[in-house]
N, C-alpha and C. Protein backbone atom coordinates (compact mmCIF):
# COMPACT_ATOMS: atom_id res chain seq x y z
N UNK A 1 0.84 -1.18 0.00
CA UNK A 1 0.00 0.00 0.00
C UNK A 1 0.89 1.24 0.00
N UNK A 2 0.56 2.15 -0.81
CA UNK A 2 1.34 3.37 -0.98
C UNK A 2 0.82 4.48 -0.09
N UNK A 3 1.76 5.25 0.51
CA UNK A 3 1.36 6.40 1.32
C UNK A 3 0.78 7.47 0.42
N UNK A 4 -0.21 8.15 0.94
CA UNK A 4 -0.79 9.26 0.19
C UNK A 4 0.24 10.37 0.06
N UNK A 5 0.32 11.01 -1.10
CA UNK A 5 1.30 12.10 -1.25
C UNK A 5 0.95 13.25 -0.32
N UNK A 6 1.98 13.85 0.21
CA UNK A 6 1.80 15.00 1.09
C UNK A 6 1.48 16.21 0.21
N UNK A 7 0.36 16.88 0.49
CA UNK A 7 0.02 18.03 -0.36
C UNK A 7 1.01 19.18 -0.13
N UNK A 8 1.26 19.88 -1.21
CA UNK A 8 2.12 21.07 -1.12
C UNK A 8 1.37 22.16 -0.35
N UNK A 9 2.09 22.90 0.49
CA UNK A 9 1.41 24.00 1.19
C UNK A 9 1.03 25.11 0.21
N UNK A 10 0.12 25.93 0.64
CA UNK A 10 -0.27 27.08 -0.17
C UNK A 10 0.98 27.91 -0.47
N UNK A 11 1.22 28.17 -1.73
CA UNK A 11 2.44 28.86 -2.16
C UNK A 11 2.56 30.25 -1.52
N UNK A 12 1.44 30.85 -1.16
CA UNK A 12 1.49 32.19 -0.55
C UNK A 12 2.24 32.17 0.78
N UNK A 13 2.12 31.06 1.53
CA UNK A 13 2.83 30.96 2.79
C UNK A 13 4.34 30.87 2.57
N UNK A 14 4.74 30.09 1.59
CA UNK A 14 6.18 29.97 1.30
C UNK A 14 6.74 31.28 0.78
N UNK A 15 5.97 31.97 -0.06
CA UNK A 15 6.44 33.26 -0.58
C UNK A 15 6.51 34.31 0.53
N UNK A 16 5.57 34.29 1.45
CA UNK A 16 5.62 35.21 2.59
C UNK A 16 6.84 34.91 3.45
N UNK A 17 7.15 33.64 3.61
CA UNK A 17 8.34 33.24 4.38
C UNK A 17 9.60 33.76 3.69
N UNK A 18 9.66 33.66 2.37
CA UNK A 18 10.82 34.19 1.63
C UNK A 18 10.93 35.70 1.78
N UNK A 19 9.80 36.40 1.74
CA UNK A 19 9.84 37.86 1.92
C UNK A 19 10.35 38.22 3.30
N UNK A 20 9.98 37.43 4.30
CA UNK A 20 10.48 37.67 5.65
C UNK A 20 11.99 37.47 5.71
N UNK A 21 12.49 36.41 5.06
CA UNK A 21 13.93 36.19 4.99
C UNK A 21 14.62 37.38 4.34
N UNK A 22 14.07 37.86 3.24
CA UNK A 22 14.68 39.01 2.56
C UNK A 22 14.66 40.26 3.43
N UNK A 23 13.62 40.43 4.24
CA UNK A 23 13.58 41.58 5.16
C UNK A 23 14.70 41.46 6.20
N UNK A 24 14.92 40.26 6.72
CA UNK A 24 16.04 40.06 7.65
C UNK A 24 17.36 40.37 6.96
N UNK A 25 17.52 39.94 5.70
CA UNK A 25 18.78 40.18 4.98
C UNK A 25 18.98 41.66 4.70
N UNK A 26 17.92 42.38 4.36
CA UNK A 26 18.04 43.83 4.17
C UNK A 26 18.41 44.53 5.47
N UNK A 27 17.84 44.06 6.56
CA UNK A 27 18.19 44.62 7.87
C UNK A 27 19.66 44.38 8.17
N UNK A 28 20.14 43.17 7.87
CA UNK A 28 21.55 42.85 8.11
C UNK A 28 22.46 43.75 7.27
N UNK A 29 22.12 43.93 6.01
CA UNK A 29 22.93 44.80 5.14
C UNK A 29 22.95 46.23 5.68
N UNK A 30 21.81 46.72 6.12
CA UNK A 30 21.74 48.07 6.67
C UNK A 30 22.58 48.23 7.93
N UNK A 31 22.53 47.24 8.81
CA UNK A 31 23.33 47.31 10.04
C UNK A 31 24.82 47.26 9.74
N UNK A 32 25.21 46.41 8.82
CA UNK A 32 26.63 46.30 8.44
C UNK A 32 27.09 47.60 7.78
N UNK A 33 26.25 48.16 6.90
CA UNK A 33 26.60 49.43 6.26
C UNK A 33 26.72 50.55 7.30
N UNK A 34 25.85 50.55 8.29
CA UNK A 34 25.92 51.55 9.36
C UNK A 34 27.24 51.43 10.12
N UNK A 35 27.68 50.19 10.37
CA UNK A 35 28.96 49.98 11.06
C UNK A 35 30.11 50.54 10.24
N UNK A 36 30.09 50.31 8.95
CA UNK A 36 31.15 50.84 8.07
C UNK A 36 31.12 52.37 8.09
N UNK A 37 29.93 52.96 8.06
CA UNK A 37 29.81 54.42 8.08
C UNK A 37 30.31 55.00 9.40
N UNK A 38 30.00 54.33 10.50
CA UNK A 38 30.48 54.81 11.82
C UNK A 38 32.00 54.85 11.84
N UNK A 39 32.63 53.79 11.38
CA UNK A 39 34.11 53.73 11.39
C UNK A 39 34.69 54.76 10.42
N UNK A 40 34.02 54.95 9.31
CA UNK A 40 34.54 55.87 8.29
C UNK A 40 34.40 57.34 8.71
N UNK A 41 33.26 57.71 9.28
CA UNK A 41 32.98 59.11 9.53
C UNK A 41 33.29 59.60 10.93
N UNK A 42 33.34 58.72 11.91
CA UNK A 42 33.63 59.14 13.28
C UNK A 42 35.10 58.87 13.60
N UNK A 43 35.58 59.60 14.60
CA UNK A 43 36.94 59.33 15.07
C UNK A 43 37.02 57.89 15.56
N UNK A 44 38.15 57.30 15.38
CA UNK A 44 38.31 55.90 15.78
C UNK A 44 38.66 55.79 17.25
N UNK A 45 37.75 56.25 18.06
CA UNK A 45 37.94 56.13 19.50
C UNK A 45 37.05 55.01 20.02
N UNK A 46 37.13 54.75 21.29
CA UNK A 46 36.45 53.58 21.88
C UNK A 46 34.94 53.60 21.63
N UNK A 47 34.30 54.76 21.76
CA UNK A 47 32.85 54.81 21.55
C UNK A 47 32.48 54.40 20.13
N UNK A 48 33.16 54.97 19.16
CA UNK A 48 32.83 54.68 17.76
C UNK A 48 33.12 53.22 17.42
N UNK A 49 34.24 52.71 17.89
CA UNK A 49 34.56 51.31 17.60
C UNK A 49 33.61 50.35 18.29
N UNK A 50 33.18 50.71 19.49
CA UNK A 50 32.19 49.89 20.21
C UNK A 50 30.86 49.91 19.46
N UNK A 51 30.45 51.08 19.04
CA UNK A 51 29.21 51.21 18.28
C UNK A 51 29.27 50.39 16.99
N UNK A 52 30.38 50.49 16.27
CA UNK A 52 30.54 49.73 15.04
C UNK A 52 30.51 48.22 15.31
N UNK A 53 31.15 47.79 16.38
CA UNK A 53 31.17 46.37 16.71
C UNK A 53 29.77 45.85 17.04
N UNK A 54 29.00 46.63 17.77
CA UNK A 54 27.63 46.23 18.10
C UNK A 54 26.77 46.17 16.84
N UNK A 55 26.95 47.14 15.95
CA UNK A 55 26.20 47.13 14.69
C UNK A 55 26.57 45.92 13.85
N UNK A 56 27.86 45.61 13.77
CA UNK A 56 28.28 44.42 13.02
C UNK A 56 27.72 43.15 13.62
N UNK A 57 27.78 43.04 14.92
CA UNK A 57 27.24 41.86 15.59
C UNK A 57 25.73 41.75 15.36
N UNK A 58 25.03 42.87 15.45
CA UNK A 58 23.58 42.86 15.20
C UNK A 58 23.28 42.47 13.75
N UNK A 59 24.10 42.94 12.82
CA UNK A 59 23.93 42.54 11.42
C UNK A 59 24.15 41.06 11.23
N UNK A 60 25.14 40.51 11.90
CA UNK A 60 25.37 39.06 11.82
C UNK A 60 24.22 38.27 12.41
N UNK A 61 23.69 38.75 13.54
CA UNK A 61 22.54 38.08 14.16
C UNK A 61 21.34 38.13 13.21
N UNK A 62 21.12 39.26 12.56
CA UNK A 62 20.00 39.39 11.62
C UNK A 62 20.16 38.43 10.45
N UNK A 63 21.36 38.34 9.89
CA UNK A 63 21.58 37.48 8.74
C UNK A 63 21.42 36.00 9.09
N UNK A 64 22.11 35.57 10.12
CA UNK A 64 22.07 34.15 10.51
C UNK A 64 20.71 33.79 11.12
N UNK A 65 20.23 34.64 12.02
CA UNK A 65 18.94 34.37 12.66
C UNK A 65 17.80 34.38 11.67
N UNK A 66 17.85 35.29 10.70
CA UNK A 66 16.81 35.32 9.67
C UNK A 66 16.78 34.04 8.84
N UNK A 67 17.95 33.53 8.52
CA UNK A 67 18.01 32.28 7.75
C UNK A 67 17.50 31.11 8.60
N UNK A 68 17.89 31.07 9.87
CA UNK A 68 17.40 30.00 10.74
C UNK A 68 15.89 30.07 10.88
N UNK A 69 15.37 31.27 11.00
CA UNK A 69 13.92 31.46 11.10
C UNK A 69 13.24 30.99 9.82
N UNK A 70 13.82 31.31 8.69
CA UNK A 70 13.27 30.89 7.39
C UNK A 70 13.19 29.36 7.33
N UNK A 71 14.28 28.69 7.69
CA UNK A 71 14.31 27.22 7.63
C UNK A 71 13.29 26.60 8.58
N UNK A 72 13.21 27.12 9.80
CA UNK A 72 12.26 26.58 10.78
C UNK A 72 10.82 26.81 10.33
N UNK A 73 10.53 28.01 9.80
CA UNK A 73 9.18 28.30 9.35
C UNK A 73 8.81 27.46 8.14
N UNK A 74 9.74 27.30 7.22
CA UNK A 74 9.47 26.49 6.02
C UNK A 74 9.16 25.04 6.40
N UNK A 75 9.92 24.52 7.34
CA UNK A 75 9.69 23.16 7.82
C UNK A 75 8.31 23.05 8.48
N UNK A 76 7.97 24.02 9.31
CA UNK A 76 6.67 24.01 9.99
C UNK A 76 5.53 24.14 8.98
N UNK A 77 5.70 24.98 7.98
CA UNK A 77 4.67 25.16 6.96
C UNK A 77 4.44 23.84 6.23
N UNK A 78 5.51 23.18 5.83
CA UNK A 78 5.39 21.94 5.07
C UNK A 78 4.83 20.78 5.90
N UNK A 79 5.09 20.82 7.22
CA UNK A 79 4.61 19.74 8.09
C UNK A 79 3.28 20.06 8.74
N UNK A 80 2.74 21.25 8.49
CA UNK A 80 1.45 21.63 9.04
C UNK A 80 1.48 21.93 10.54
N UNK A 81 2.66 22.32 11.04
CA UNK A 81 2.80 22.65 12.46
C UNK A 81 2.70 24.16 12.65
N UNK A 82 2.44 24.59 13.89
CA UNK A 82 2.49 26.04 14.16
C UNK A 82 3.90 26.57 13.96
N UNK A 83 3.99 27.82 13.60
CA UNK A 83 5.30 28.44 13.41
C UNK A 83 6.02 28.56 14.75
N UNK A 84 7.29 28.21 14.78
CA UNK A 84 8.03 28.30 16.05
C UNK A 84 8.37 29.75 16.38
N UNK A 85 8.49 30.01 17.65
CA UNK A 85 8.92 31.34 18.09
C UNK A 85 10.42 31.45 17.89
N UNK A 86 10.90 32.63 17.60
CA UNK A 86 12.32 32.84 17.40
C UNK A 86 12.87 33.92 18.33
N UNK A 87 14.15 33.87 18.57
CA UNK A 87 14.82 34.84 19.44
C UNK A 87 15.48 35.98 18.66
N UNK A 88 15.55 35.86 17.35
CA UNK A 88 16.27 36.85 16.55
C UNK A 88 15.73 38.27 16.73
N UNK A 89 14.42 38.51 16.67
CA UNK A 89 13.95 39.89 16.87
C UNK A 89 14.34 40.46 18.23
N UNK A 90 14.31 39.63 19.26
CA UNK A 90 14.70 40.09 20.59
C UNK A 90 16.18 40.46 20.62
N UNK A 91 17.01 39.62 20.02
CA UNK A 91 18.46 39.88 20.01
C UNK A 91 18.79 41.14 19.22
N UNK A 92 18.13 41.33 18.08
CA UNK A 92 18.37 42.53 17.28
C UNK A 92 17.92 43.78 18.06
N UNK A 93 16.78 43.68 18.71
CA UNK A 93 16.29 44.81 19.51
C UNK A 93 17.26 45.15 20.63
N UNK A 94 17.76 44.14 21.32
CA UNK A 94 18.74 44.38 22.39
C UNK A 94 20.00 45.05 21.83
N UNK A 95 20.45 44.57 20.67
CA UNK A 95 21.62 45.17 20.04
C UNK A 95 21.39 46.63 19.69
N UNK A 96 20.21 46.95 19.19
CA UNK A 96 19.92 48.34 18.82
C UNK A 96 19.76 49.23 20.04
N UNK A 97 19.19 48.70 21.11
CA UNK A 97 19.11 49.48 22.35
C UNK A 97 20.51 49.76 22.88
N UNK A 98 21.38 48.76 22.81
CA UNK A 98 22.78 48.95 23.22
C UNK A 98 23.46 49.99 22.34
N UNK A 99 23.17 49.97 21.03
CA UNK A 99 23.70 51.00 20.13
C UNK A 99 23.22 52.38 20.54
N UNK A 100 21.96 52.48 20.93
CA UNK A 100 21.42 53.75 21.37
C UNK A 100 22.16 54.27 22.59
N UNK A 101 22.42 53.40 23.55
CA UNK A 101 23.14 53.79 24.77
C UNK A 101 24.54 54.29 24.43
N UNK A 102 25.25 53.54 23.58
CA UNK A 102 26.61 53.93 23.20
C UNK A 102 26.58 55.24 22.40
N UNK A 103 25.61 55.40 21.51
CA UNK A 103 25.51 56.62 20.71
C UNK A 103 25.22 57.83 21.59
N UNK A 104 24.35 57.66 22.57
CA UNK A 104 24.06 58.77 23.50
C UNK A 104 25.32 59.13 24.28
N UNK A 105 26.05 58.13 24.76
CA UNK A 105 27.29 58.39 25.48
C UNK A 105 28.30 59.11 24.58
N UNK A 106 28.39 58.71 23.33
CA UNK A 106 29.30 59.35 22.37
C UNK A 106 28.93 60.82 22.19
N UNK A 107 27.65 61.09 22.00
CA UNK A 107 27.20 62.47 21.80
C UNK A 107 27.48 63.32 23.04
N UNK A 108 27.19 62.79 24.21
CA UNK A 108 27.41 63.53 25.45
C UNK A 108 28.90 63.83 25.64
N UNK A 109 29.75 62.85 25.41
CA UNK A 109 31.20 63.04 25.62
C UNK A 109 31.79 64.00 24.58
N UNK A 110 31.41 63.84 23.31
CA UNK A 110 32.01 64.68 22.27
C UNK A 110 31.42 66.09 22.23
N UNK A 111 30.20 66.26 22.72
CA UNK A 111 29.57 67.59 22.71
C UNK A 111 30.06 68.45 23.88
N UNK A 112 30.56 67.79 24.90
CA UNK A 112 30.93 68.54 26.11
C UNK A 112 32.31 68.97 26.09
């Protein structure tokens, strides 16, 4: 006896998942570009280098985490399971809040 073929999921779900991956990748590119701009335009002191490092790390988290999210969601879509929760948005948000703190410290120190 042959197993019934597994139906393909609605293509709209897979395409939405791909768009989400591309949004994560655009975010990663923007964060990495911001890190390059910080190093290029600001003095290479501890604040600027710290800010650039946090931006680079956040960009890496967005790129890798977005891909992991894509794979997990695609698997869940194909298996008919609920979408798993991910930590990537939380990690990116924490990185950006840390960037905000460092940027405020940079402005306060250089303006005074």
